[in-house]
Amino acid sequence: MSARAARKHRLVTLFQRHVANPLNRRLPFQTLLETTGRKSGLARQTPVGGRLVGNSFWLVSEFGLTSQYVRNIQAEPAVRVRLAGRWHHGTAHLLPEDDPVARLRALPRFNSAAVRAFGTDLLTVRVDLAD
């Protein structure tokens, strides 16, 4: 990661962790991805944007393998996704072979624009929902 990308990652992550995510988690219909902390074992909820297609929820991570929730998925792919206020169990899959820019075109515009603007290492994630 370049120095510029690392600085951008730090600034965006600080804003998300301390301002945006705490506010968004409180919104009843905000989509949340719940992973298990790879070190703590605690549930970690991250506001995300994406789209449900059939029984799969698709999203694109802004920072790829450096995103904390992606690192948690690598350690434990069993996740939950809150869609429209209802929780669903699923299994997350990291898809480095997928074209994340093309994927963003099929996802909600506002979130996709933010991911493109702030992201430095895009990575597609698919969550296959069990229920």
N, C-alpha and C. Protein backbone atom coordinates (compact mmCIF):
# COMPACT_ATOMS: atom_id res chain seq x y z
N MET A 1 0.86 -1.17 0.00
CA MET A 1 0.00 0.00 0.00
C MET A 1 0.90 1.23 0.00
N SER A 2 0.60 2.18 -0.87
CA SER A 2 1.39 3.41 -0.94
C SER A 2 1.16 4.25 0.31
N ALA A 3 2.04 5.22 0.52
CA ALA A 3 1.91 6.10 1.69
C ALA A 3 0.61 6.89 1.61
N ARG A 4 0.25 7.33 0.40
CA ARG A 4 -1.00 8.09 0.22
C ARG A 4 -2.21 7.20 0.52
N ALA A 5 -2.20 5.98 0.03
CA ALA A 5 -3.30 5.05 0.29
C ALA A 5 -3.39 4.72 1.78
N ALA A 6 -2.25 4.55 2.43
CA ALA A 6 -2.23 4.25 3.86
C ALA A 6 -2.80 5.42 4.67
N ARG A 7 -2.46 6.63 4.29
CA ARG A 7 -2.98 7.82 4.98
C ARG A 7 -4.49 7.93 4.78
N LYS A 8 -4.94 7.71 3.54
CA LYS A 8 -6.37 7.74 3.24
C LYS A 8 -7.11 6.68 4.05
N HIS A 9 -6.54 5.48 4.12
CA HIS A 9 -7.13 4.38 4.88
C HIS A 9 -7.27 4.76 6.35
N ARG A 10 -6.21 5.33 6.93
CA ARG A 10 -6.26 5.74 8.35
C ARG A 10 -7.34 6.78 8.60
N LEU A 11 -7.41 7.81 7.74
CA LEU A 11 -8.38 8.89 7.94
C LEU A 11 -9.82 8.38 7.80
N VAL A 12 -10.08 7.63 6.75
CA VAL A 12 -11.43 7.11 6.52
C VAL A 12 -11.82 6.15 7.64
N THR A 13 -10.90 5.28 8.04
CA THR A 13 -11.18 4.31 9.09
C THR A 13 -11.47 5.01 10.42
N LEU A 14 -10.69 6.03 10.76
CA LEU A 14 -10.94 6.78 12.00
C LEU A 14 -12.33 7.42 11.99
N PHE A 15 -12.68 8.05 10.86
CA PHE A 15 -14.00 8.67 10.75
C PHE A 15 -15.10 7.62 10.88
N GLN A 16 -14.96 6.52 10.15
CA GLN A 16 -15.98 5.48 10.21
C GLN A 16 -16.10 4.88 11.61
N ARG A 17 -14.97 4.56 12.22
CA ARG A 17 -14.99 3.89 13.52
C ARG A 17 -15.57 4.76 14.62
N HIS A 18 -15.26 6.07 14.58
CA HIS A 18 -15.64 6.93 15.71
C HIS A 18 -16.85 7.82 15.45
N VAL A 19 -17.26 8.00 14.19
CA VAL A 19 -18.38 8.88 13.90
C VAL A 19 -19.48 8.14 13.13
N ALA A 20 -19.20 7.73 11.91
CA ALA A 20 -20.24 7.19 11.03
C ALA A 20 -20.81 5.86 11.53
N ASN A 21 -19.96 4.90 11.85
CA ASN A 21 -20.46 3.58 12.25
C ASN A 21 -21.29 3.60 13.52
N PRO A 22 -20.87 4.29 14.59
CA PRO A 22 -21.73 4.32 15.79
C PRO A 22 -23.11 4.92 15.51
N LEU A 23 -23.16 5.93 14.65
CA LEU A 23 -24.47 6.52 14.31
C LEU A 23 -25.29 5.57 13.44
N ASN A 24 -24.66 5.01 12.41
CA ASN A 24 -25.38 4.13 11.49
C ASN A 24 -25.88 2.85 12.15
N ARG A 25 -25.13 2.32 13.08
CA ARG A 25 -25.55 1.09 13.76
C ARG A 25 -26.87 1.27 14.49
N ARG A 26 -27.17 2.50 14.90
CA ARG A 26 -28.41 2.79 15.65
C ARG A 26 -29.64 2.91 14.76
N LEU A 27 -29.43 3.09 13.46
CA LEU A 27 -30.56 3.22 12.55
C LEU A 27 -31.20 1.86 12.36
N PRO A 28 -32.51 1.74 12.60
CA PRO A 28 -33.14 0.42 12.62
C PRO A 28 -33.10 -0.34 11.29
N PHE A 29 -33.01 0.36 10.17
CA PHE A 29 -33.02 -0.35 8.89
C PHE A 29 -31.69 -0.26 8.15
N GLN A 30 -30.65 0.17 8.85
CA GLN A 30 -29.30 0.15 8.27
C GLN A 30 -28.87 -1.30 8.12
N THR A 31 -28.32 -1.66 6.99
CA THR A 31 -27.80 -3.01 6.80
C THR A 31 -26.52 -3.16 7.61
N LEU A 32 -26.46 -4.22 8.40
CA LEU A 32 -25.29 -4.50 9.23
C LEU A 32 -24.73 -5.87 8.88
N LEU A 33 -23.42 -5.97 8.92
CA LEU A 33 -22.72 -7.25 8.78
C LEU A 33 -22.13 -7.56 10.15
N GLU A 34 -22.49 -8.70 10.71
CA GLU A 34 -21.97 -9.09 12.01
C GLU A 34 -20.97 -10.23 11.81
N THR A 35 -19.73 -9.97 12.21
CA THR A 35 -18.67 -10.98 12.17
C THR A 35 -18.27 -11.31 13.59
N THR A 36 -17.46 -12.35 13.74
CA THR A 36 -16.90 -12.70 15.05
C THR A 36 -15.47 -12.19 15.08
N GLY A 37 -15.16 -11.39 16.10
CA GLY A 37 -13.81 -10.85 16.24
C GLY A 37 -12.78 -11.97 16.28
N ARG A 38 -11.78 -11.88 15.43
CA ARG A 38 -10.79 -12.95 15.32
C ARG A 38 -9.92 -13.07 16.56
N LYS A 39 -9.76 -12.01 17.33
CA LYS A 39 -8.97 -12.05 18.56
C LYS A 39 -9.86 -12.14 19.80
N SER A 40 -10.93 -11.34 19.82
CA SER A 40 -11.78 -11.25 21.00
C SER A 40 -12.85 -12.34 21.06
N GLY A 41 -13.28 -12.82 19.89
CA GLY A 41 -14.39 -13.76 19.84
C GLY A 41 -15.74 -13.09 20.02
N LEU A 42 -15.76 -11.76 20.11
CA LEU A 42 -17.00 -11.00 20.31
C LEU A 42 -17.65 -10.67 18.97
N ALA A 43 -18.96 -10.47 19.01
CA ALA A 43 -19.70 -10.06 17.82
C ALA A 43 -19.31 -8.63 17.46
N ARG A 44 -19.01 -8.41 16.18
CA ARG A 44 -18.63 -7.08 15.68
C ARG A 44 -19.59 -6.71 14.56
N GLN A 45 -20.29 -5.58 14.72
CA GLN A 45 -21.28 -5.16 13.73
C GLN A 45 -20.77 -3.97 12.94
N THR A 46 -20.79 -4.12 11.62
CA THR A 46 -20.29 -3.10 10.72
C THR A 46 -21.40 -2.69 9.76
N PRO A 47 -21.73 -1.39 9.71
CA PRO A 47 -22.69 -0.93 8.70
C PRO A 47 -22.09 -1.12 7.30
N VAL A 48 -22.87 -1.68 6.40
CA VAL A 48 -22.40 -1.91 5.03
C VAL A 48 -23.51 -1.53 4.06
N GLY A 49 -23.12 -1.37 2.82
CA GLY A 49 -24.07 -1.18 1.74
C GLY A 49 -23.90 -2.32 0.76
N GLY A 50 -24.97 -2.74 0.19
CA GLY A 50 -24.90 -3.83 -0.77
C GLY A 50 -26.29 -4.14 -1.27
N ARG A 51 -26.42 -5.32 -1.85
CA ARG A 51 -27.71 -5.70 -2.43
C ARG A 51 -27.94 -7.19 -2.28
N LEU A 52 -29.18 -7.53 -1.97
CA LEU A 52 -29.61 -8.92 -1.90
C LEU A 52 -29.99 -9.36 -3.31
N VAL A 53 -29.36 -10.44 -3.77
CA VAL A 53 -29.67 -11.02 -5.08
C VAL A 53 -29.95 -12.50 -4.83
N GLY A 54 -31.21 -12.89 -4.93
CA GLY A 54 -31.59 -14.26 -4.60
C GLY A 54 -31.34 -14.51 -3.13
N ASN A 55 -30.55 -15.52 -2.80
CA ASN A 55 -30.20 -15.84 -1.41
C ASN A 55 -28.80 -15.39 -1.05
N SER A 56 -28.25 -14.46 -1.82
CA SER A 56 -26.90 -13.95 -1.54
C SER A 56 -26.93 -12.44 -1.38
N PHE A 57 -26.17 -11.97 -0.40
CA PHE A 57 -26.00 -10.54 -0.20
C PHE A 57 -24.61 -10.17 -0.70
N TRP A 58 -24.53 -9.21 -1.60
CA TRP A 58 -23.28 -8.78 -2.23
C TRP A 58 -22.87 -7.41 -1.70
N LEU A 59 -21.58 -7.23 -1.43
CA LEU A 59 -21.03 -5.95 -1.03
C LEU A 59 -19.60 -5.85 -1.51
N VAL A 60 -19.06 -4.65 -1.48
CA VAL A 60 -17.66 -4.43 -1.84
C VAL A 60 -16.98 -3.72 -0.68
N SER A 61 -15.89 -4.31 -0.21
CA SER A 61 -15.09 -3.73 0.87
C SER A 61 -14.19 -2.64 0.29
N GLU A 62 -14.15 -1.50 0.97
CA GLU A 62 -13.31 -0.38 0.52
C GLU A 62 -11.82 -0.68 0.60
N PHE A 63 -11.43 -1.42 1.62
CA PHE A 63 -10.00 -1.60 1.90
C PHE A 63 -9.56 -3.05 1.81
N GLY A 64 -10.35 -3.87 1.13
CA GLY A 64 -9.95 -5.24 0.87
C GLY A 64 -9.51 -6.01 2.09
N LEU A 65 -8.38 -6.68 1.98
CA LEU A 65 -7.89 -7.55 3.04
C LEU A 65 -7.42 -6.81 4.29
N THR A 66 -7.35 -5.48 4.25
CA THR A 66 -6.97 -4.73 5.45
C THR A 66 -8.18 -4.30 6.27
N SER A 67 -9.40 -4.46 5.72
CA SER A 67 -10.61 -4.15 6.49
C SER A 67 -10.73 -5.12 7.66
N GLN A 68 -11.06 -4.61 8.81
CA GLN A 68 -11.17 -5.47 9.99
C GLN A 68 -12.24 -6.54 9.80
N TYR A 69 -13.38 -6.18 9.22
CA TYR A 69 -14.42 -7.19 9.06
C TYR A 69 -14.01 -8.26 8.04
N VAL A 70 -13.20 -7.89 7.06
CA VAL A 70 -12.70 -8.88 6.10
C VAL A 70 -11.72 -9.82 6.79
N ARG A 71 -10.87 -9.28 7.64
CA ARG A 71 -9.93 -10.12 8.39
C ARG A 71 -10.69 -11.06 9.32
N ASN A 72 -11.79 -10.58 9.90
CA ASN A 72 -12.63 -11.45 10.73
C ASN A 72 -13.26 -12.57 9.90
N ILE A 73 -13.71 -12.24 8.69
CA ILE A 73 -14.29 -13.25 7.79
C ILE A 73 -13.25 -14.30 7.44
N GLN A 74 -12.01 -13.88 7.20
CA GLN A 74 -10.96 -14.85 6.90
C GLN A 74 -10.80 -15.86 8.03
N ALA A 75 -10.93 -15.39 9.26
CA ALA A 75 -10.77 -16.27 10.43
C ALA A 75 -12.03 -17.10 10.68
N GLU A 76 -13.21 -16.52 10.43
CA GLU A 76 -14.48 -17.21 10.69
C GLU A 76 -15.52 -16.70 9.70
N PRO A 77 -15.81 -17.48 8.65
CA PRO A 77 -16.73 -17.02 7.61
C PRO A 77 -18.22 -17.05 7.99
N ALA A 78 -18.58 -17.66 9.11
CA ALA A 78 -19.98 -17.64 9.55
C ALA A 78 -20.31 -16.23 10.03
N VAL A 79 -21.31 -15.62 9.42
CA VAL A 79 -21.68 -14.24 9.73
C VAL A 79 -23.19 -14.13 9.86
N ARG A 80 -23.64 -12.93 10.25
CA ARG A 80 -25.06 -12.58 10.19
C ARG A 80 -25.16 -11.26 9.44
N VAL A 81 -26.27 -11.08 8.73
CA VAL A 81 -26.54 -9.83 8.03
C VAL A 81 -27.91 -9.36 8.45
N ARG A 82 -28.01 -8.07 8.85
CA ARG A 82 -29.32 -7.49 9.17
C ARG A 82 -29.80 -6.73 7.94
N LEU A 83 -30.89 -7.23 7.37
CA LEU A 83 -31.51 -6.62 6.19
C LEU A 83 -32.92 -6.20 6.55
N ALA A 84 -33.23 -4.93 6.33
CA ALA A 84 -34.57 -4.40 6.62
C ALA A 84 -35.01 -4.74 8.04
N GLY A 85 -34.08 -4.67 8.98
CA GLY A 85 -34.40 -4.89 10.39
C GLY A 85 -34.44 -6.34 10.83
N ARG A 86 -34.17 -7.30 9.93
CA ARG A 86 -34.24 -8.73 10.27
C ARG A 86 -32.88 -9.38 10.06
N TRP A 87 -32.46 -10.18 11.03
CA TRP A 87 -31.16 -10.85 10.97
C TRP A 87 -31.24 -12.17 10.20
N HIS A 88 -30.20 -12.43 9.40
CA HIS A 88 -30.07 -13.65 8.61
C HIS A 88 -28.68 -14.23 8.84
N HIS A 89 -28.60 -15.53 9.05
CA HIS A 89 -27.32 -16.22 9.17
C HIS A 89 -26.80 -16.52 7.77
N GLY A 90 -25.47 -16.54 7.64
CA GLY A 90 -24.91 -16.85 6.33
C GLY A 90 -23.43 -17.18 6.42
N THR A 91 -22.88 -17.47 5.26
CA THR A 91 -21.45 -17.76 5.12
C THR A 91 -20.87 -16.77 4.13
N ALA A 92 -19.84 -16.05 4.56
CA ALA A 92 -19.21 -15.02 3.72
C ALA A 92 -18.09 -15.63 2.89
N HIS A 93 -17.99 -15.15 1.66
CA HIS A 93 -16.94 -15.59 0.74
C HIS A 93 -16.24 -14.36 0.18
N LEU A 94 -14.93 -14.33 0.26
CA LEU A 94 -14.14 -13.26 -0.33
C LEU A 94 -13.86 -13.65 -1.77
N LEU A 95 -14.10 -12.71 -2.70
CA LEU A 95 -14.00 -13.03 -4.12
C LEU A 95 -12.98 -12.12 -4.83
N PRO A 96 -11.69 -12.36 -4.62
CA PRO A 96 -10.68 -11.50 -5.25
C PRO A 96 -10.69 -11.58 -6.78
N GLU A 97 -11.25 -12.66 -7.33
CA GLU A 97 -11.28 -12.81 -8.79
C GLU A 97 -12.42 -12.00 -9.42
N ASP A 98 -13.38 -11.54 -8.62
CA ASP A 98 -14.50 -10.74 -9.11
C ASP A 98 -14.02 -9.32 -9.39
N ASP A 99 -14.64 -8.66 -10.35
CA ASP A 99 -14.32 -7.26 -10.67
C ASP A 99 -15.14 -6.35 -9.76
N PRO A 100 -14.52 -5.77 -8.72
CA PRO A 100 -15.31 -4.98 -7.76
C PRO A 100 -15.89 -3.71 -8.35
N VAL A 101 -15.22 -3.11 -9.33
CA VAL A 101 -15.74 -1.89 -9.95
C VAL A 101 -17.01 -2.22 -10.73
N ALA A 102 -16.99 -3.31 -11.48
CA ALA A 102 -18.19 -3.75 -12.20
C ALA A 102 -19.28 -4.12 -11.20
N ARG A 103 -18.90 -4.77 -10.10
CA ARG A 103 -19.87 -5.18 -9.08
C ARG A 103 -20.55 -3.94 -8.49
N LEU A 104 -19.79 -2.88 -8.24
CA LEU A 104 -20.37 -1.66 -7.66
C LEU A 104 -21.46 -1.07 -8.55
N ARG A 105 -21.36 -1.27 -9.86
CA ARG A 105 -22.39 -0.75 -10.78
C ARG A 105 -23.74 -1.43 -10.55
N ALA A 106 -23.72 -2.64 -9.98
CA ALA A 106 -24.96 -3.37 -9.72
C ALA A 106 -25.47 -3.18 -8.30
N LEU A 107 -24.75 -2.41 -7.51
CA LEU A 107 -25.13 -2.18 -6.12
C LEU A 107 -25.70 -0.77 -5.97
N PRO A 108 -26.30 -0.45 -4.81
CA PRO A 108 -26.90 0.88 -4.62
C PRO A 108 -25.91 2.01 -4.91
N ARG A 109 -26.38 3.00 -5.65
CA ARG A 109 -25.52 4.08 -6.17
C ARG A 109 -24.80 4.88 -5.10
N PHE A 110 -25.51 5.31 -4.07
CA PHE A 110 -24.90 6.19 -3.06
C PHE A 110 -23.74 5.49 -2.37
N ASN A 111 -23.97 4.27 -1.89
CA ASN A 111 -22.91 3.54 -1.22
C ASN A 111 -21.77 3.23 -2.19
N SER A 112 -22.10 2.86 -3.42
CA SER A 112 -21.08 2.54 -4.41
C SER A 112 -20.19 3.75 -4.69
N ALA A 113 -20.79 4.92 -4.77
CA ALA A 113 -20.01 6.14 -5.01
C ALA A 113 -19.04 6.39 -3.85
N ALA A 114 -19.51 6.17 -2.63
CA ALA A 114 -18.64 6.37 -1.46
C ALA A 114 -17.50 5.35 -1.45
N VAL A 115 -17.81 4.10 -1.76
CA VAL A 115 -16.77 3.06 -1.78
C VAL A 115 -15.72 3.40 -2.84
N ARG A 116 -16.16 3.83 -4.02
CA ARG A 116 -15.20 4.20 -5.07
C ARG A 116 -14.37 5.41 -4.65
N ALA A 117 -15.01 6.40 -4.02
CA ALA A 117 -14.31 7.63 -3.64
C ALA A 117 -13.30 7.41 -2.52
N PHE A 118 -13.65 6.61 -1.53
CA PHE A 118 -12.80 6.46 -0.36
C PHE A 118 -11.96 5.20 -0.36
N GLY A 119 -12.33 4.22 -1.17
CA GLY A 119 -11.63 2.95 -1.17
C GLY A 119 -10.27 3.01 -1.82
N THR A 120 -9.39 2.13 -1.36
CA THR A 120 -8.04 2.06 -1.93
C THR A 120 -7.71 0.67 -2.45
N ASP A 121 -8.46 -0.34 -2.02
CA ASP A 121 -8.17 -1.72 -2.42
C ASP A 121 -9.48 -2.50 -2.37
N LEU A 122 -10.29 -2.35 -3.41
CA LEU A 122 -11.64 -2.91 -3.42
C LEU A 122 -11.63 -4.43 -3.49
N LEU A 123 -12.59 -5.04 -2.77
CA LEU A 123 -12.72 -6.49 -2.72
C LEU A 123 -14.19 -6.86 -2.63
N THR A 124 -14.64 -7.73 -3.52
CA THR A 124 -16.03 -8.19 -3.51
C THR A 124 -16.21 -9.25 -2.43
N VAL A 125 -17.33 -9.14 -1.72
CA VAL A 125 -17.71 -10.12 -0.69
C VAL A 125 -19.13 -10.57 -1.00
N ARG A 126 -19.33 -11.89 -0.98
CA ARG A 126 -20.67 -12.47 -1.16
C ARG A 126 -21.01 -13.23 0.12
N VAL A 127 -22.20 -13.00 0.64
CA VAL A 127 -22.68 -13.74 1.80
C VAL A 127 -23.85 -14.60 1.34
N ASP A 128 -23.66 -15.92 1.41
CA ASP A 128 -24.73 -16.85 1.07
C ASP A 128 -25.57 -17.04 2.33
N LEU A 129 -26.84 -16.62 2.24
CA LEU A 129 -27.73 -16.64 3.40
C LEU A 129 -28.38 -18.00 3.56
N ALA A 130 -28.46 -18.44 4.81
CA ALA A 130 -29.04 -19.75 5.12
C ALA A 130 -30.54 -19.66 5.35
N ASP A 131 -31.01 -18.51 5.80
CA ASP A 131 -32.44 -18.35 6.08
C ASP A 131 -32.97 -17.05 5.56
